[in-house]
Amino acid sequence: MGLSETVMNGILVVLALSIFAIVVNIKVKKAKVDKAPSNFLNIIEMFVEFINDMVKSNMGEKGMKFAPLMITLMSYLAVANIFGLIGLASPTSDYSITLTLALFVFALVQVVKFRSYGGLVGYGKSFTEPVPLLTPINIISEIANPISMSFRLFGNIMSGSLIMALLHGALGYFSPLVTAPLRLYFDIFTGLLQAYIFVMLTMIFIDGAVK
């Protein structure tokens, strides 16, 4: 059984971002300290500072070690969500991909909580706070986090792709006249907004796991 189109597109996004990272690294190394950086490097710097400020304001200085992860997550999701602009299926319109991303965040949160509470006993006790009576609710809410994250991202991207496909089918040759402005909303605005929300939730869950 071969890979689906969305999974292949997800791999394409990873390859494209890897090549882009290599290009950025080369340009940074070639940049002269005594000369103003190029517009390209200025944009990269603004993006990195934007994510660093997000991490600092939501997780504090102690959370800055997660900034590279947040930059990676934001870059992947932003590119994957707007993949429809070039006529290819967005990787995040596939629930298996959004679930994988959410489970990765869930696993990371559990590792952070395990280490923060000093091992298995402290980790177990964290679910009994503030009172033991709430233990079942705490466990259910913890399990619900990756489910809600994955469905939110998948639902928003999939619904946008579905609406655009229906409009293309219904309007035929006239579809570009109507769908062009709608793509700005569904592909760019919604895509970037959902990437932002996913990263924000990741930071909130990780910060909440620290004792």
Foldseek 3Di string as FASTA:
>chain_A
DDDDQLVVVLVVLVVVVVVVVVVLVVQVVVDDPPDDRDPVVVVVVVLLVVLQVLLCVLQNPVRSVCSVVLSVLLSSQQCLLLVCVVPGQRSLLDLVVLLVVLVVLLVVLLVLLQVQLPHDVRSQCVLCPPHVVNNVVSVVVSVCRSVVLSCVSNVLSNVLVVVLVVLCVVVPPCSCVPCVVVSCCSRNVSSSVSSVVSSSVSSNSNSVSHD
